[in-house]
Amino acid sequence: MPYVITERCVGQKDKSCVEVCPVDCIHDAGEQMMIDPIECVDCGACVPVCPVDAIFTEVDVPAGDEGSITAARTFFDTESL
């Protein structure tokens, strides 16, 4: 999974990330936005525009936010990745 949007996005949903994504892999998941791990091309364009610093590479997701990885995999039905 290239990039993950963490729980910092909950209640924010600024959608700046959606506007800059070249492959439209960021989707509204209700309380927050989520990045489709299959569609993401790992470009990182979304990271600097996030006003709440909620987007990380999977390996850099802060301790305590690992549930965001599982949530994205469940939302996109890609648990086996």
N, C-alpha and C. Protein backbone atom coordinates (compact mmCIF):
# COMPACT_ATOMS: atom_id res chain seq x y z
N MET A 1 0.86 -1.17 0.00
CA MET A 1 0.00 0.00 0.00
C MET A 1 0.90 1.23 0.00
N PRO A 2 0.92 1.98 -1.07
CA PRO A 2 1.82 3.13 -1.17
C PRO A 2 1.54 4.23 -0.14
N TYR A 3 0.36 4.81 -0.15
CA TYR A 3 0.03 5.89 0.77
C TYR A 3 -1.24 5.57 1.53
N VAL A 4 -1.32 6.10 2.75
CA VAL A 4 -2.45 5.87 3.64
C VAL A 4 -2.89 7.21 4.20
N ILE A 5 -4.19 7.43 4.25
CA ILE A 5 -4.72 8.62 4.92
C ILE A 5 -5.13 8.19 6.32
N THR A 6 -4.55 8.82 7.31
CA THR A 6 -4.80 8.43 8.69
C THR A 6 -6.04 9.12 9.26
N GLU A 7 -6.33 8.81 10.51
CA GLU A 7 -7.51 9.33 11.18
C GLU A 7 -7.47 10.85 11.37
N ARG A 8 -6.34 11.46 11.12
CA ARG A 8 -6.26 12.93 11.20
C ARG A 8 -7.23 13.58 10.21
N CYS A 9 -7.63 12.84 9.20
CA CYS A 9 -8.54 13.35 8.18
C CYS A 9 -10.00 13.35 8.66
N VAL A 10 -10.31 12.53 9.66
CA VAL A 10 -11.69 12.42 10.14
C VAL A 10 -12.21 13.79 10.53
N GLY A 11 -13.34 14.15 9.96
CA GLY A 11 -13.96 15.44 10.25
C GLY A 11 -13.39 16.60 9.45
N GLN A 12 -12.32 16.37 8.70
CA GLN A 12 -11.69 17.43 7.91
C GLN A 12 -12.14 17.36 6.46
N LYS A 13 -11.77 16.28 5.80
CA LYS A 13 -12.13 16.03 4.39
C LYS A 13 -11.99 17.27 3.51
N ASP A 14 -10.85 17.90 3.57
CA ASP A 14 -10.56 19.10 2.80
C ASP A 14 -10.62 18.83 1.29
N LYS A 15 -10.27 17.66 0.87
CA LYS A 15 -10.30 17.20 -0.53
C LYS A 15 -9.25 17.86 -1.43
N SER A 16 -8.30 18.58 -0.86
CA SER A 16 -7.20 19.11 -1.67
C SER A 16 -6.45 17.96 -2.32
N CYS A 17 -6.35 16.85 -1.60
CA CYS A 17 -5.65 15.68 -2.11
C CYS A 17 -6.32 15.12 -3.36
N VAL A 18 -7.63 15.16 -3.39
CA VAL A 18 -8.38 14.64 -4.54
C VAL A 18 -8.07 15.47 -5.78
N GLU A 19 -7.98 16.78 -5.60
CA GLU A 19 -7.75 17.68 -6.72
C GLU A 19 -6.40 17.48 -7.38
N VAL A 20 -5.38 17.06 -6.62
CA VAL A 20 -4.04 16.92 -7.20
C VAL A 20 -3.70 15.49 -7.63
N CYS A 21 -4.52 14.54 -7.27
CA CYS A 21 -4.23 13.13 -7.60
C CYS A 21 -4.37 12.89 -9.10
N PRO A 22 -3.30 12.46 -9.76
CA PRO A 22 -3.34 12.27 -11.20
C PRO A 22 -4.12 11.03 -11.65
N VAL A 23 -4.41 10.11 -10.73
CA VAL A 23 -5.10 8.88 -11.11
C VAL A 23 -6.44 8.70 -10.40
N ASP A 24 -6.92 9.72 -9.71
CA ASP A 24 -8.21 9.68 -9.03
C ASP A 24 -8.36 8.46 -8.12
N CYS A 25 -7.35 8.21 -7.30
CA CYS A 25 -7.40 7.04 -6.41
C CYS A 25 -7.87 7.39 -5.00
N ILE A 26 -8.21 8.64 -4.74
CA ILE A 26 -8.64 9.06 -3.41
C ILE A 26 -10.15 9.18 -3.41
N HIS A 27 -10.77 8.46 -2.47
CA HIS A 27 -12.23 8.35 -2.46
C HIS A 27 -12.80 8.77 -1.11
N ASP A 28 -14.02 9.26 -1.14
CA ASP A 28 -14.73 9.64 0.07
C ASP A 28 -15.23 8.37 0.74
N ALA A 29 -14.79 8.13 1.97
CA ALA A 29 -15.17 6.92 2.70
C ALA A 29 -16.09 7.23 3.87
N GLY A 30 -16.79 8.32 3.78
CA GLY A 30 -17.70 8.70 4.86
C GLY A 30 -17.07 9.73 5.77
N GLU A 31 -16.48 9.28 6.87
CA GLU A 31 -15.88 10.20 7.83
C GLU A 31 -14.58 10.81 7.34
N GLN A 32 -13.93 10.14 6.39
CA GLN A 32 -12.64 10.62 5.91
C GLN A 32 -12.42 10.17 4.47
N MET A 33 -11.36 10.66 3.88
CA MET A 33 -10.96 10.23 2.54
C MET A 33 -10.05 9.02 2.69
N MET A 34 -10.01 8.17 1.66
CA MET A 34 -9.12 7.01 1.67
C MET A 34 -8.50 6.83 0.30
N ILE A 35 -7.28 6.31 0.30
CA ILE A 35 -6.54 6.06 -0.93
C ILE A 35 -6.65 4.60 -1.30
N ASP A 36 -7.10 4.35 -2.53
CA ASP A 36 -7.20 2.97 -3.03
C ASP A 36 -5.78 2.45 -3.26
N PRO A 37 -5.39 1.41 -2.53
CA PRO A 37 -4.01 0.91 -2.65
C PRO A 37 -3.70 0.27 -3.99
N ILE A 38 -4.71 -0.12 -4.74
CA ILE A 38 -4.50 -0.70 -6.06
C ILE A 38 -4.31 0.40 -7.11
N GLU A 39 -5.09 1.46 -7.01
CA GLU A 39 -5.05 2.54 -8.00
C GLU A 39 -3.90 3.52 -7.79
N CYS A 40 -3.42 3.65 -6.56
CA CYS A 40 -2.37 4.63 -6.25
C CYS A 40 -1.09 4.28 -7.01
N VAL A 41 -0.49 5.31 -7.62
CA VAL A 41 0.75 5.11 -8.38
C VAL A 41 1.97 5.60 -7.59
N ASP A 42 1.78 5.87 -6.32
CA ASP A 42 2.88 6.22 -5.42
C ASP A 42 3.60 7.50 -5.83
N CYS A 43 2.85 8.49 -6.34
CA CYS A 43 3.49 9.72 -6.80
C CYS A 43 3.74 10.71 -5.67
N GLY A 44 2.94 10.65 -4.61
CA GLY A 44 3.13 11.54 -3.47
C GLY A 44 2.57 12.93 -3.64
N ALA A 45 1.86 13.20 -4.72
CA ALA A 45 1.33 14.55 -4.96
C ALA A 45 0.36 14.99 -3.87
N CYS A 46 -0.30 14.05 -3.24
CA CYS A 46 -1.30 14.36 -2.21
C CYS A 46 -0.69 14.80 -0.88
N VAL A 47 0.51 14.35 -0.60
CA VAL A 47 1.12 14.57 0.71
C VAL A 47 1.28 16.06 1.05
N PRO A 48 1.91 16.87 0.22
CA PRO A 48 2.15 18.26 0.62
C PRO A 48 0.89 19.14 0.66
N VAL A 49 -0.19 18.73 0.01
CA VAL A 49 -1.38 19.57 0.00
C VAL A 49 -2.35 19.28 1.14
N CYS A 50 -2.12 18.21 1.88
CA CYS A 50 -3.02 17.85 2.98
C CYS A 50 -2.85 18.86 4.12
N PRO A 51 -3.91 19.61 4.44
CA PRO A 51 -3.79 20.65 5.47
C PRO A 51 -3.66 20.11 6.89
N VAL A 52 -3.95 18.82 7.10
CA VAL A 52 -3.85 18.25 8.45
C VAL A 52 -2.75 17.20 8.55
N ASP A 53 -1.90 17.13 7.56
CA ASP A 53 -0.78 16.18 7.54
C ASP A 53 -1.23 14.76 7.88
N ALA A 54 -2.23 14.29 7.15
CA ALA A 54 -2.82 12.98 7.42
C ALA A 54 -2.33 11.88 6.49
N ILE A 55 -1.50 12.20 5.51
CA ILE A 55 -1.10 11.22 4.49
C ILE A 55 0.35 10.80 4.68
N PHE A 56 0.53 9.48 4.76
CA PHE A 56 1.86 8.90 4.98
C PHE A 56 2.05 7.68 4.10
N THR A 57 3.30 7.33 3.83
CA THR A 57 3.54 6.02 3.22
C THR A 57 3.20 5.00 4.30
N GLU A 58 2.87 3.80 3.88
CA GLU A 58 2.46 2.78 4.85
C GLU A 58 3.51 2.57 5.93
N VAL A 59 4.78 2.55 5.54
CA VAL A 59 5.84 2.30 6.53
C VAL A 59 6.06 3.48 7.47
N ASP A 60 5.57 4.65 7.11
CA ASP A 60 5.75 5.84 7.93
C ASP A 60 4.51 6.25 8.73
N VAL A 61 3.46 5.43 8.68
CA VAL A 61 2.26 5.74 9.45
C VAL A 61 2.65 5.80 10.92
N PRO A 62 2.30 6.89 11.60
CA PRO A 62 2.69 7.05 13.00
C PRO A 62 2.15 5.94 13.91
N ALA A 63 2.90 5.63 14.93
CA ALA A 63 2.46 4.65 15.92
C ALA A 63 1.11 5.09 16.47
N GLY A 64 0.21 4.16 16.57
CA GLY A 64 -1.13 4.46 17.04
C GLY A 64 -2.12 4.68 15.92
N ASP A 65 -1.63 4.93 14.71
CA ASP A 65 -2.50 5.15 13.56
C ASP A 65 -2.53 3.95 12.61
N GLU A 66 -1.95 2.83 13.02
CA GLU A 66 -1.88 1.66 12.15
C GLU A 66 -3.26 1.15 11.74
N GLY A 67 -4.28 1.46 12.52
CA GLY A 67 -5.65 1.07 12.17
C GLY A 67 -6.11 1.67 10.86
N SER A 68 -5.48 2.77 10.45
CA SER A 68 -5.83 3.40 9.17
C SER A 68 -5.45 2.51 8.00
N ILE A 69 -4.39 1.74 8.15
CA ILE A 69 -3.96 0.81 7.11
C ILE A 69 -5.01 -0.28 6.95
N THR A 70 -5.41 -0.86 8.06
CA THR A 70 -6.43 -1.90 8.04
C THR A 70 -7.75 -1.37 7.51
N ALA A 71 -8.12 -0.16 7.92
CA ALA A 71 -9.38 0.45 7.47
C ALA A 71 -9.40 0.62 5.96
N ALA A 72 -8.29 1.07 5.39
CA ALA A 72 -8.23 1.26 3.94
C ALA A 72 -8.30 -0.09 3.22
N ARG A 73 -7.59 -1.07 3.72
CA ARG A 73 -7.62 -2.40 3.10
C ARG A 73 -9.02 -2.99 3.16
N THR A 74 -9.71 -2.80 4.27
CA THR A 74 -11.07 -3.30 4.41
C THR A 74 -12.02 -2.55 3.48
N PHE A 75 -11.91 -1.23 3.46
CA PHE A 75 -12.79 -0.40 2.62
C PHE A 75 -12.68 -0.79 1.15
N PHE A 76 -11.47 -1.03 0.70
CA PHE A 76 -11.24 -1.36 -0.71
C PHE A 76 -11.18 -2.86 -0.96
N ASP A 77 -11.44 -3.67 0.07
CA ASP A 77 -11.46 -5.12 -0.02
C ASP A 77 -10.14 -5.66 -0.57
N THR A 78 -9.04 -5.18 0.02
CA THR A 78 -7.71 -5.60 -0.40
C THR A 78 -6.92 -6.09 0.80
N GLU A 79 -7.57 -6.78 1.74
CA GLU A 79 -6.91 -7.21 2.96
C GLU A 79 -5.68 -8.08 2.72
N SER A 80 -5.62 -8.74 1.60
CA SER A 80 -4.51 -9.66 1.36
C SER A 80 -3.24 -8.96 0.86
N LEU A 81 -3.30 -7.66 0.64
CA LEU A 81 -2.11 -6.93 0.17
C LEU A 81 -1.10 -6.77 1.26
